[in-house]
C-alpha atoms as a PDB file:
ATOM      1  CA  MET A   1     -32.906  14.137  -7.040  1.00  0.00           C
ATOM      2  CA  LEU A   2     -30.435  11.341  -5.983  1.00  0.00           C
ATOM      3  CA  TYR A   3     -31.283   7.723  -6.404  1.00  0.00           C
ATOM      4  CA  PRO A   4     -30.213   5.742  -3.327  1.00  0.00           C
ATOM      5  CA  LEU A   5     -27.915   2.406  -3.832  1.00  0.00           C
ATOM      6  CA  LEU A   6     -26.920   0.157  -1.025  1.00  0.00           C
ATOM      7  CA  CYS A   7     -23.906  -1.644  -2.002  1.00  0.00           C
ATOM      8  CA  ILE A   8     -22.703  -4.893   0.036  1.00  0.00           C
ATOM      9  CA  VAL A   9     -19.217  -5.955  -0.790  1.00  0.00           C
ATOM     10  CA  GLY A  10     -16.497  -8.015   0.541  1.00  0.00           C
ATOM     11  CA  PRO A  11     -14.192 -10.945  -0.529  1.00  0.00           C
ATOM     12  CA  THR A  12     -15.281 -14.191  -1.784  1.00  0.00           C
ATOM     13  CA  ALA A  13     -17.311 -16.845   0.508  1.00  0.00           C
ATOM     14  CA  VAL A  14     -17.834 -13.889   3.530  1.00  0.00           C
ATOM     15  CA  GLY A  15     -21.588 -14.652   3.029  1.00  0.00           C
ATOM     16  CA  LYS A  16     -22.571 -11.698   0.705  1.00  0.00           C
ATOM     17  CA  THR A  17     -25.325 -13.681  -0.919  1.00  0.00           C
ATOM     18  CA  THR A  18     -27.419 -14.828   1.839  1.00  0.00           C
ATOM     19  CA  ILE A  19     -27.003 -11.595   3.542  1.00  0.00           C
ATOM     20  CA  SER A  20     -27.871  -9.307   0.695  1.00  0.00           C
ATOM     21  CA  VAL A  21     -31.062 -11.563  -0.270  1.00  0.00           C
ATOM     22  CA  GLU A  22     -31.915 -11.284   3.427  1.00  0.00           C
ATOM     23  CA  THR A  23     -31.588  -7.513   3.550  1.00  0.00           C
ATOM     24  CA  ALA A  24     -33.488  -7.451   0.530  1.00  0.00           C
ATOM     25  CA  LEU A  25     -36.195  -8.950   1.787  1.00  0.00           C
ATOM     26  CA  LYS A  26     -36.458  -6.713   5.119  1.00  0.00           C
ATOM     27  CA  ILE A  27     -36.245  -3.283   3.103  1.00  0.00           C
ATOM     28  CA  ARG A  28     -37.815  -4.366  -0.225  1.00  0.00           C
ATOM     29  CA  GLY A  29     -34.814  -4.355  -2.257  1.00  0.00           C
ATOM     30  CA  GLU A  30     -33.408  -5.867  -5.857  1.00  0.00           C
ATOM     31  CA  ILE A  31     -30.323  -7.007  -6.252  1.00  0.00           C
ATOM     32  CA  ILE A  32     -27.762  -5.877  -9.234  1.00  0.00           C
ATOM     33  CA  SER A  33     -24.862  -8.557  -9.059  1.00  0.00           C
ATOM     34  CA  GLY A  34     -21.503  -7.114  -8.921  1.00  0.00           C
ATOM     35  CA  ASP A  35     -19.724 -10.119 -10.053  1.00  0.00           C
ATOM     36  CA  SER A  36     -17.953 -10.312 -13.086  1.00  0.00           C
ATOM     37  CA  MET A  37     -18.670 -14.156 -13.616  1.00  0.00           C
ATOM     38  CA  GLN A  38     -21.957 -14.605 -12.768  1.00  0.00           C
ATOM     39  CA  VAL A  39     -23.401 -12.886 -15.909  1.00  0.00           C
ATOM     40  CA  TYR A  40     -22.450 -16.096 -17.507  1.00  0.00           C
ATOM     41  CA  ARG A  41     -25.059 -18.615 -18.339  1.00  0.00           C
ATOM     42  CA  TYR A  42     -23.894 -22.387 -17.872  1.00  0.00           C
ATOM     43  CA  MET A  43     -21.504 -21.343 -15.264  1.00  0.00           C
ATOM     44  CA  ASP A  44     -23.169 -21.760 -11.911  1.00  0.00           C
ATOM     45  CA  ILE A  45     -20.903 -23.905  -9.586  1.00  0.00           C
ATOM     46  CA  GLY A  46     -17.607 -22.120 -10.335  1.00  0.00           C
ATOM     47  CA  THR A  47     -19.300 -18.892  -9.710  1.00  0.00           C
ATOM     48  CA  ALA A  48     -21.362 -19.725  -6.661  1.00  0.00           C
ATOM     49  CA  LYS A  49     -24.451 -18.201  -8.459  1.00  0.00           C
ATOM     50  CA  PRO A  50     -27.411 -18.464  -6.140  1.00  0.00           C
ATOM     51  CA  SER A  51     -29.998 -20.990  -7.209  1.00  0.00           C
ATOM     52  CA  LEU A  52     -33.571 -19.778  -7.620  1.00  0.00           C
ATOM     53  CA  LYS A  53     -34.381 -21.273  -3.963  1.00  0.00           C
ATOM     54  CA  GLU A  54     -31.437 -19.080  -2.531  1.00  0.00           C
ATOM     55  CA  ARG A  55     -32.810 -16.070  -3.845  1.00  0.00           C
ATOM     56  CA  ARG A  56     -36.099 -16.454  -2.189  1.00  0.00           C
ATOM     57  CA  GLY A  57     -38.101 -14.613  -4.805  1.00  0.00           C
ATOM     58  CA  VAL A  58     -35.680 -11.573  -4.900  1.00  0.00           C
ATOM     59  CA  PRO A  59     -35.250 -10.125  -8.216  1.00  0.00           C
ATOM     60  CA  HIS A  60     -31.545 -10.325  -9.323  1.00  0.00           C
ATOM     61  CA  HIS A  61     -30.164  -8.680 -12.457  1.00  0.00           C
ATOM     62  CA  LEU A  62     -27.325  -9.107 -14.346  1.00  0.00           C
ATOM     63  CA  VAL A  63     -27.253 -12.761 -13.584  1.00  0.00           C
ATOM     64  CA  ASP A  64     -27.359 -15.305 -16.588  1.00  0.00           C
ATOM     65  CA  ILE A  65     -27.290 -12.485 -19.224  1.00  0.00           C
ATOM     66  CA  LEU A  66     -24.492 -13.810 -21.783  1.00  0.00           C
ATOM     67  CA  LEU A  67     -23.412 -17.120 -23.049  1.00  0.00           C
ATOM     68  CA  PRO A  68     -19.691 -17.597 -21.964  1.00  0.00           C
ATOM     69  CA  HIS A  69     -18.030 -16.335 -25.392  1.00  0.00           C
ATOM     70  CA  GLU A  70     -19.708 -13.189 -24.973  1.00  0.00           C
ATOM     71  CA  PRO A  71     -17.554 -10.053 -23.613  1.00  0.00           C
ATOM     72  CA  PHE A  72     -18.759  -8.244 -20.658  1.00  0.00           C
ATOM     73  CA  SER A  73     -16.681  -5.385 -19.725  1.00  0.00           C
ATOM     74  CA  VAL A  74     -16.772  -3.019 -16.534  1.00  0.00           C
ATOM     75  CA  ALA A  75     -17.934  -0.298 -18.971  1.00  0.00           C
ATOM     76  CA  ASP A  76     -20.913  -2.621 -20.030  1.00  0.00           C
ATOM     77  CA  PHE A  77     -21.564  -3.388 -16.478  1.00  0.00           C
ATOM     78  CA  GLN A  78     -21.381   0.432 -15.639  1.00  0.00           C
ATOM     79  CA  SER A  79     -24.146   1.319 -18.190  1.00  0.00           C
ATOM     80  CA  GLU A  80     -26.514  -1.673 -17.274  1.00  0.00           C
ATOM     81  CA  ALA A  81     -26.386  -0.722 -13.622  1.00  0.00           C
ATOM     82  CA  PHE A  82     -27.088   3.010 -14.469  1.00  0.00           C
ATOM     83  CA  LYS A  83     -30.173   1.881 -16.483  1.00  0.00           C
ATOM     84  CA  LEU A  84     -31.002  -0.256 -13.830  1.00  0.00           C
ATOM     85  CA  ILE A  85     -31.082   1.657 -10.633  1.00  0.00           C
ATOM     86  CA  PRO A  86     -33.536   4.205 -11.680  1.00  0.00           C
ATOM     87  CA  GLN A  87     -36.066   1.420 -12.893  1.00  0.00           C
ATOM     88  CA  ILE A  88     -35.594  -0.462  -9.621  1.00  0.00           C
ATOM     89  CA  PHE A  89     -36.225   2.775  -7.750  1.00  0.00           C
ATOM     90  CA  SER A  90     -39.264   3.559 -10.072  1.00  0.00           C
ATOM     91  CA  ARG A  91     -40.989   0.339  -8.349  1.00  0.00           C
ATOM     92  CA  ASN A  92     -40.833   1.694  -5.012  1.00  0.00           C
ATOM     93  CA  ARG A  93     -37.779  -0.763  -3.970  1.00  0.00           C
ATOM     94  CA  LEU A  94     -34.296  -0.249  -2.965  1.00  0.00           C
ATOM     95  CA  PRO A  95     -31.348  -0.974  -5.528  1.00  0.00           C
ATOM     96  CA  ILE A  96     -28.670  -3.369  -3.722  1.00  0.00           C
ATOM     97  CA  LEU A  97     -25.313  -3.777  -5.465  1.00  0.00           C
ATOM     98  CA  ALA A  98     -24.230  -6.823  -4.177  1.00  0.00           C
ATOM     99  CA  GLY A  99     -20.757  -8.551  -5.111  1.00  0.00           C
ATOM    100  CA  GLY A 100     -16.711  -8.700  -4.902  1.00  0.00           C
ATOM    101  CA  THR A 101     -15.603  -7.331  -8.217  1.00  0.00           C
ATOM    102  CA  GLY A 102     -13.889  -4.170  -6.829  1.00  0.00           C
ATOM    103  CA  LEU A 103     -13.796  -2.523 -10.275  1.00  0.00           C
ATOM    104  CA  TYR A 104     -17.305  -2.574 -10.544  1.00  0.00           C
ATOM    105  CA  LEU A 105     -18.154  -1.259  -7.202  1.00  0.00           C
ATOM    106  CA  LYS A 106     -15.529   2.047  -8.648  1.00  0.00           C
ATOM    107  CA  ALA A 107     -17.006   2.109 -11.832  1.00  0.00           C
ATOM    108  CA  ILE A 108     -20.577   2.943 -10.118  1.00  0.00           C
ATOM    109  CA  VAL A 109     -19.462   4.829  -6.960  1.00  0.00           C
ATOM    110  CA  ASP A 110     -16.543   6.617  -8.380  1.00  0.00           C
ATOM    111  CA  GLN A 111     -18.100   6.559 -11.944  1.00  0.00           C
ATOM    112  CA  TYR A 112     -15.260   6.153 -14.401  1.00  0.00           C
ATOM    113  CA  ASN A 113     -15.765   7.645 -17.597  1.00  0.00           C
ATOM    114  CA  PHE A 114     -15.669   4.795 -20.153  1.00  0.00           C
ATOM    115  CA  GLY A 115     -17.754   6.366 -23.122  1.00  0.00           C
ATOM    116  CA  GLU A 116     -14.340   7.656 -24.519  1.00  0.00           C
ATOM    117  CA  ILE A 117     -12.535   4.030 -24.691  1.00  0.00           C
ATOM    118  CA  SER A 118     -13.997   1.690 -27.496  1.00  0.00           C
ATOM    119  CA  ALA A 119     -12.587  -1.715 -27.544  1.00  0.00           C
ATOM    120  CA  ASN A 120      -9.579  -2.643 -29.861  1.00  0.00           C
ATOM    121  CA  TRP A 121     -10.256  -6.709 -30.308  1.00  0.00           C
ATOM    122  CA  GLU A 122      -7.793  -7.168 -32.698  1.00  0.00           C
ATOM    123  CA  LEU A 123      -5.112  -5.290 -30.555  1.00  0.00           C
ATOM    124  CA  ARG A 124      -6.661  -7.369 -27.367  1.00  0.00           C
ATOM    125  CA  GLU A 125      -5.834 -10.416 -29.320  1.00  0.00           C
ATOM    126  CA  LYS A 126      -2.610  -9.652 -30.265  1.00  0.00           C
ATOM    127  CA  LEU A 127      -1.517  -8.759 -26.518  1.00  0.00           C
ATOM    128  CA  ARG A 128      -3.125 -11.996 -25.480  1.00  0.00           C
ATOM    129  CA  GLU A 129      -0.942 -13.884 -27.928  1.00  0.00           C
ATOM    130  CA  GLN A 130       2.181 -11.947 -26.402  1.00  0.00           C
ATOM    131  CA  ALA A 131       1.095 -13.205 -22.843  1.00  0.00           C
ATOM    132  CA  ASN A 132       0.736 -16.964 -24.111  1.00  0.00           C
ATOM    133  CA  SER A 133       4.092 -16.796 -25.840  1.00  0.00           C
ATOM    134  CA  LEU A 134       6.052 -14.663 -23.324  1.00  0.00           C
ATOM    135  CA  GLY A 135       4.309 -14.649 -20.087  1.00  0.00           C
ATOM    136  CA  ASN A 136       1.978 -12.216 -18.291  1.00  0.00           C
ATOM    137  CA  GLN A 137       5.157 -10.728 -16.640  1.00  0.00           C
ATOM    138  CA  HIS A 138       6.176  -9.268 -20.179  1.00  0.00           C
ATOM    139  CA  LEU A 139       3.282  -7.389 -20.571  1.00  0.00           C
ATOM    140  CA  TYR A 140       3.131  -6.068 -16.980  1.00  0.00           C
ATOM    141  CA  ARG A 141       6.552  -4.501 -17.498  1.00  0.00           C
ATOM    142  CA  LYS A 142       5.179  -2.986 -20.396  1.00  0.00           C
ATOM    143  CA  LEU A 143       2.443  -1.315 -18.384  1.00  0.00           C
ATOM    144  CA  ARG A 144       4.602  -0.106 -15.595  1.00  0.00           C
ATOM    145  CA  ILE A 145       6.696   1.738 -18.101  1.00  0.00           C
ATOM    146  CA  VAL A 146       3.467   3.427 -19.923  1.00  0.00           C
ATOM    147  CA  ASP A 147       1.252   3.585 -16.853  1.00  0.00           C
ATOM    148  CA  PRO A 148       2.925   3.107 -13.665  1.00  0.00           C
ATOM    149  CA  LYS A 149      -0.101   4.389 -11.666  1.00  0.00           C
ATOM    150  CA  SER A 150      -2.410   1.709 -13.021  1.00  0.00           C
ATOM    151  CA  ALA A 151       0.341  -0.798 -12.600  1.00  0.00           C
ATOM    152  CA  GLU A 152       0.482  -0.088  -8.840  1.00  0.00           C
ATOM    153  CA  LYS A 153      -3.156  -1.151  -8.592  1.00  0.00           C
ATOM    154  CA  ILE A 154      -3.367  -3.998 -10.964  1.00  0.00           C
ATOM    155  CA  HIS A 155      -1.996  -7.514  -9.763  1.00  0.00           C
ATOM    156  CA  PRO A 156       0.755  -9.064 -11.949  1.00  0.00           C
ATOM    157  CA  ASN A 157      -1.169 -12.137 -12.630  1.00  0.00           C
ATOM    158  CA  ASP A 158      -4.367 -10.191 -13.470  1.00  0.00           C
ATOM    159  CA  LEU A 159      -4.268 -10.557 -17.417  1.00  0.00           C
ATOM    160  CA  LYS A 160      -7.525  -9.193 -17.920  1.00  0.00           C
ATOM    161  CA  ARG A 161      -6.782  -5.802 -16.708  1.00  0.00           C
ATOM    162  CA  ILE A 162      -3.256  -5.440 -17.960  1.00  0.00           C
ATOM    163  CA  ILE A 163      -4.392  -6.032 -21.489  1.00  0.00           C
ATOM    164  CA  ARG A 164      -7.044  -3.589 -20.897  1.00  0.00           C
ATOM    165  CA  ALA A 165      -4.932  -1.033 -19.574  1.00  0.00           C
ATOM    166  CA  LEU A 166      -2.468  -1.701 -22.347  1.00  0.00           C
ATOM    167  CA  GLU A 167      -5.088  -1.797 -24.832  1.00  0.00           C
ATOM    168  CA  VAL A 168      -6.266   1.959 -23.744  1.00  0.00           C
ATOM    169  CA  PHE A 169      -2.990   3.162 -23.881  1.00  0.00           C
ATOM    170  CA  LEU A 170      -2.006   1.803 -27.191  1.00  0.00           C
ATOM    171  CA  THR A 171      -5.287   3.152 -28.732  1.00  0.00           C
ATOM    172  CA  THR A 172      -5.724   6.514 -27.286  1.00  0.00           C
ATOM    173  CA  GLY A 173      -2.052   7.553 -26.318  1.00  0.00           C
ATOM    174  CA  ARG A 174      -3.350   8.059 -22.629  1.00  0.00           C
ATOM    175  CA  PRO A 175      -3.123   5.878 -19.856  1.00  0.00           C
ATOM    176  CA  ILE A 176      -6.278   4.154 -18.539  1.00  0.00           C
ATOM    177  CA  SER A 177      -5.826   5.655 -15.329  1.00  0.00           C
ATOM    178  CA  SER A 178      -6.587   9.467 -16.799  1.00  0.00           C
ATOM    179  CA  PHE A 179     -10.106   8.314 -17.513  1.00  0.00           C
ATOM    180  CA  ASN A 180     -11.159   8.320 -13.952  1.00  0.00           C
ATOM    181  CA  GLU A 181     -14.113  10.278 -12.919  1.00  0.00           C
ATOM    182  CA  LEU A 182     -16.686  11.818 -14.833  1.00  0.00           C
ATOM    183  CA  ALA A 183     -17.159  16.011 -14.938  1.00  0.00           C
ATOM    184  CA  PRO A 184     -19.728  16.832 -12.219  1.00  0.00           C
ATOM    185  CA  GLU A 185     -21.909  17.559 -14.684  1.00  0.00           C
ATOM    186  CA  LYS A 186     -22.053  14.267 -16.209  1.00  0.00           C
ATOM    187  CA  ARG A 187     -22.120  12.124 -12.961  1.00  0.00           C
ATOM    188  CA  PHE A 188     -24.886  10.065 -12.412  1.00  0.00           C
ATOM    189  CA  PRO A 189     -27.151  11.408  -9.640  1.00  0.00           C
ATOM    190  CA  LEU A 190     -26.260   8.766  -6.928  1.00  0.00           C
ATOM    191  CA  LYS A 191     -26.396   8.523  -3.118  1.00  0.00           C
ATOM    192  CA  PRO A 192     -24.543   5.212  -2.381  1.00  0.00           C
ATOM    193  CA  LEU A 193     -24.110   3.507   1.066  1.00  0.00           C
ATOM    194  CA  ILE A 194     -21.376   0.875   1.112  1.00  0.00           C
ATOM    195  CA  ILE A 195     -21.353  -1.676   3.405  1.00  0.00           C
ATOM    196  CA  GLY A 196     -18.183  -3.985   3.779  1.00  0.00           C
ATOM    197  CA  LEU A 197     -18.432  -7.351   5.218  1.00  0.00           C
ATOM    198  CA  THR A 198     -15.464  -9.012   6.860  1.00  0.00           C
ATOM    199  CA  MET A 199     -14.137 -11.917   9.113  1.00  0.00           C
ATOM    200  CA  ASN A 200     -11.027 -13.394  10.632  1.00  0.00           C
ATOM    201  CA  ARG A 201      -8.788 -14.252   7.968  1.00  0.00           C
ATOM    202  CA  SER A 202      -8.379 -17.763   9.311  1.00  0.00           C
ATOM    203  CA  ARG A 203     -12.133 -18.144   9.498  1.00  0.00           C
ATOM    204  CA  LEU A 204     -12.360 -16.970   5.931  1.00  0.00           C
ATOM    205  CA  TYR A 205      -9.842 -19.261   4.617  1.00  0.00           C
ATOM    206  CA  ASN A 206     -11.525 -22.212   6.363  1.00  0.00           C
ATOM    207  CA  ARG A 207     -14.978 -21.090   4.479  1.00  0.00           C
ATOM    208  CA  ILE A 208     -13.066 -20.671   1.056  1.00  0.00           C
ATOM    209  CA  ASN A 209     -11.484 -24.536   1.631  1.00  0.00           C
ATOM    210  CA  LEU A 210     -15.023 -25.806   2.618  1.00  0.00           C
ATOM    211  CA  ARG A 211     -16.849 -23.996  -0.537  1.00  0.00           C
ATOM    212  CA  VAL A 212     -14.529 -25.450  -3.146  1.00  0.00           C
ATOM    213  CA  GLU A 213     -14.989 -28.913  -1.610  1.00  0.00           C
ATOM    214  CA  GLN A 214     -18.775 -28.097  -1.877  1.00  0.00           C
ATOM    215  CA  MET A 215     -18.384 -27.237  -5.436  1.00  0.00           C
ATOM    216  CA  MET A 216     -16.397 -30.400  -6.113  1.00  0.00           C
ATOM    217  CA  ALA A 217     -19.030 -32.536  -4.371  1.00  0.00           C
ATOM    218  CA  GLY A 218     -21.646 -30.198  -6.474  1.00  0.00           C
ATOM    219  CA  GLY A 219     -20.488 -31.393  -9.745  1.00  0.00           C
ATOM    220  CA  LEU A 220     -17.687 -28.429 -10.754  1.00  0.00           C
ATOM    221  CA  GLU A 221     -15.683 -31.043 -12.886  1.00  0.00           C
ATOM    222  CA  GLN A 222     -18.823 -31.807 -14.750  1.00  0.00           C
ATOM    223  CA  GLU A 223     -19.609 -28.279 -15.410  1.00  0.00           C
ATOM    224  CA  VAL A 224     -16.527 -27.943 -16.685  1.00  0.00           C
ATOM    225  CA  ARG A 225     -16.585 -31.040 -19.024  1.00  0.00           C
ATOM    226  CA  ASP A 226     -20.202 -29.605 -20.217  1.00  0.00           C
ATOM    227  CA  LEU A 227     -18.956 -26.525 -21.234  1.00  0.00           C
ATOM    228  CA  LEU A 228     -16.057 -27.643 -23.287  1.00  0.00           C
ATOM    229  CA  LYS A 229     -18.405 -30.124 -24.874  1.00  0.00           C
ATOM    230  CA  ARG A 230     -20.759 -27.197 -25.891  1.00  0.00           C
ATOM    231  CA  GLY A 231     -17.442 -25.734 -27.877  1.00  0.00           C
ATOM    232  CA  TYR A 232     -16.195 -22.938 -25.445  1.00  0.00           C
ATOM    233  CA  SER A 233     -12.533 -22.509 -25.755  1.00  0.00           C
ATOM    234  CA  PRO A 234     -10.364 -22.873 -22.739  1.00  0.00           C
ATOM    235  CA  GLN A 235      -8.667 -19.380 -23.719  1.00  0.00           C
ATOM    236  CA  LEU A 236     -12.163 -17.450 -23.325  1.00  0.00           C
ATOM    237  CA  VAL A 237     -11.899 -15.011 -20.670  1.00  0.00           C
ATOM    238  CA  SER A 238     -14.912 -16.606 -18.608  1.00  0.00           C
ATOM    239  CA  MET A 239     -12.801 -19.993 -18.928  1.00  0.00           C
ATOM    240  CA  GLN A 240     -10.090 -18.425 -17.306  1.00  0.00           C
ATOM    241  CA  GLY A 241     -11.880 -17.811 -14.125  1.00  0.00           C
ATOM    242  CA  LEU A 242     -11.120 -19.425 -10.641  1.00  0.00           C
ATOM    243  CA  GLY A 243     -12.350 -23.047 -10.646  1.00  0.00           C
ATOM    244  CA  TYR A 244     -12.476 -23.118 -14.382  1.00  0.00           C
ATOM    245  CA  ARG A 245      -9.036 -22.992 -15.438  1.00  0.00           C
ATOM    246  CA  HIS A 246      -8.090 -25.259 -12.598  1.00  0.00           C
ATOM    247  CA  MET A 247     -10.762 -28.056 -13.956  1.00  0.00           C
ATOM    248  CA  ILE A 248      -9.217 -27.522 -17.302  1.00  0.00           C
ATOM    249  CA  ASN A 249      -5.819 -28.126 -16.508  1.00  0.00           C
ATOM    250  CA  PHE A 250      -6.854 -31.379 -14.674  1.00  0.00           C
ATOM    251  CA  LEU A 251      -8.675 -32.504 -17.669  1.00  0.00           C
ATOM    252  CA  LYS A 252      -5.795 -31.620 -19.943  1.00  0.00           C
ATOM    253  CA  GLU A 253      -3.792 -34.216 -17.368  1.00  0.00           C
ATOM    254  CA  ARG A 254      -1.390 -30.798 -16.520  1.00  0.00           C
ATOM    255  CA  TYR A 255      -2.543 -31.841 -12.741  1.00  0.00           C
ATOM    256  CA  THR A 256      -4.114 -34.568 -10.677  1.00  0.00           C
ATOM    257  CA  LYS A 257      -7.617 -34.020  -9.357  1.00  0.00           C
ATOM    258  CA  GLU A 258      -6.032 -33.539  -5.733  1.00  0.00           C
ATOM    259  CA  GLU A 259      -3.846 -30.905  -7.004  1.00  0.00           C
ATOM    260  CA  ALA A 260      -6.087 -28.891  -8.901  1.00  0.00           C
ATOM    261  CA  VAL A 261      -8.286 -28.745  -5.836  1.00  0.00           C
ATOM    262  CA  GLU A 262      -5.421 -27.910  -3.485  1.00  0.00           C
ATOM    263  CA  LEU A 263      -4.527 -25.141  -6.190  1.00  0.00           C
ATOM    264  CA  LEU A 264      -7.921 -23.882  -6.518  1.00  0.00           C
ATOM    265  CA  LYS A 265      -8.217 -23.425  -2.691  1.00  0.00           C
ATOM    266  CA  ARG A 266      -4.773 -21.906  -2.504  1.00  0.00           C
ATOM    267  CA  ASP A 267      -5.688 -19.350  -5.554  1.00  0.00           C
ATOM    268  CA  THR A 268      -9.332 -18.509  -3.845  1.00  0.00           C
ATOM    269  CA  ARG A 269      -7.451 -17.620  -0.465  1.00  0.00           C
ATOM    270  CA  ARG A 270      -5.005 -15.339  -2.489  1.00  0.00           C
ATOM    271  CA  PHE A 271      -8.028 -13.847  -4.439  1.00  0.00           C
ATOM    272  CA  ALA A 272      -9.760 -13.108  -1.207  1.00  0.00           C
ATOM    273  CA  LYS A 273      -6.751 -11.449  -0.051  1.00  0.00           C
ATOM    274  CA  ARG A 274      -6.585  -9.024  -2.988  1.00  0.00           C
ATOM    275  CA  GLN A 275     -10.029  -8.344  -2.519  1.00  0.00           C
ATOM    276  CA  LEU A 276      -9.887  -7.051   0.995  1.00  0.00           C
ATOM    277  CA  THR A 277      -6.768  -5.138   0.218  1.00  0.00           C
ATOM    278  CA  LEU A 278      -8.580  -3.123  -2.673  1.00  0.00           C
ATOM    279  CA  PHE A 279     -11.664  -2.980  -0.466  1.00  0.00           C
ATOM    280  CA  LYS A 280      -9.533  -1.433   2.533  1.00  0.00           C
ATOM    281  CA  ARG A 281      -8.204   1.250   0.579  1.00  0.00           C
ATOM    282  CA  ASN A 282     -11.916   2.611   0.049  1.00  0.00           C
ATOM    283  CA  ASP A 283     -12.356   4.928   2.748  1.00  0.00           C
ATOM    284  CA  LYS A 284     -16.108   5.198   1.777  1.00  0.00           C
ATOM    285  CA  ILE A 285     -17.103   1.672   3.022  1.00  0.00           C
ATOM    286  CA  VAL A 286     -18.767   1.281   6.494  1.00  0.00           C
ATOM    287  CA  TRP A 287     -17.030  -1.961   7.633  1.00  0.00           C
ATOM    288  CA  ILE A 288     -19.075  -4.876   9.695  1.00  0.00           C
ATOM    289  CA  ASP A 289     -17.315  -7.463  11.313  1.00  0.00           C
ATOM    290  CA  LEU A 290     -19.096 -10.544  11.192  1.00  0.00           C
ATOM    291  CA  ASP A 291     -17.188 -12.328  13.843  1.00  0.00           C
ATOM    292  CA  LYS A 292     -18.663  -9.500  16.127  1.00  0.00           C
ATOM    293  CA  TYR A 293     -22.398 -11.259  15.587  1.00  0.00           C
ATOM    294  CA  LEU A 294     -23.817 -14.179  16.896  1.00  0.00           C
ATOM    295  CA  GLU A 295     -26.870 -14.424  14.696  1.00  0.00           C
ATOM    296  CA  GLN A 296     -27.068 -13.342  10.899  1.00  0.00           C
ATOM    297  CA  ASP A 297     -30.500 -11.463  11.828  1.00  0.00           C
ATOM    298  CA  GLU A 298     -28.487  -9.132  13.923  1.00  0.00           C
ATOM    299  CA  ILE A 299     -26.218  -8.312  10.774  1.00  0.00           C
ATOM    300  CA  VAL A 300     -29.271  -7.841   8.519  1.00  0.00           C
ATOM    301  CA  GLU A 301     -30.940  -5.396  11.120  1.00  0.00           C
ATOM    302  CA  LYS A 302     -27.686  -3.557  11.325  1.00  0.00           C
ATOM    303  CA  ILE A 303     -27.502  -3.160   7.622  1.00  0.00           C
ATOM    304  CA  CYS A 304     -30.903  -2.440   7.143  1.00  0.00           C
ATOM    305  CA  TYR A 305     -30.862   0.495   9.925  1.00  0.00           C
ATOM    306  CA  PHE A 306     -28.086   1.686   7.800  1.00  0.00           C
ATOM    307  CA  GLY A 307     -29.963   1.177   4.803  1.00  0.00           C
ATOM    308  CA  ARG A 308     -32.990   2.945   5.875  1.00  0.00           C
ATOM    309  CA  ASN A 309     -31.205   6.300   6.217  1.00  0.00           C
ATOM    310  CA  ILE A 310     -29.723   6.481   2.970  1.00  0.00           C
END
């Protein structure tokens, strides 16, 4: 038996949350969050985490499951998602993977084999210290030498993935790119449909700018202050996320608030561009151009039409 899975992906601020909830309401779905930051408690505003009201009674999984200092890898996500999919299906509901973390999508659909790669926390910390003292580019150059295939797919500023790729190589002697798909007999029995949401680039960037302003008005600065008061280090992976590192730099007086906000807008736009570039490489995605629809109901109906045929 193949488990059906509807995936709704796209760049940040394109409207995945609302559309995913509306779709879930229409076709009796439960949402598995495919966002690498929404797993953390106390981090609501900067992650654009949907409120209980916005979820409208639709179950959301892998949201608020960890404290900000707790590690959560793509392998952890894959393991949890593979548990959730049959559980949701057993309730006669459709699993819906919704989010913008491209590697999470690939972990599920392409079923990367992470079982052989255990975390080496001591090595990971040493690599992070190298990045702090010598810069991200130092580690990226190392990666290009030992695993050029992975380096092509990882942005030079994506420190988390650079460190992970180097960690795997230095621990196993094999590039992380060699741990690609599971053998056919080990694959999870899955029948996925991937819907990609897109829109005109200038419209998307305007939405991103507006979202940042709404985050600031909604209390992003105070959220970061509260996290620091709780004792969470600015060096944590979670605290290096978009918005959090910008507010930390403002609070440490490295930027003015206005500079921090403008940098956050810029970096979020760049992040969205990278997301689109990654998703566009995936020929399994069925794209829906949101600019071609006047009403959101039309978009949801189109997704539901595809979803009923999984």
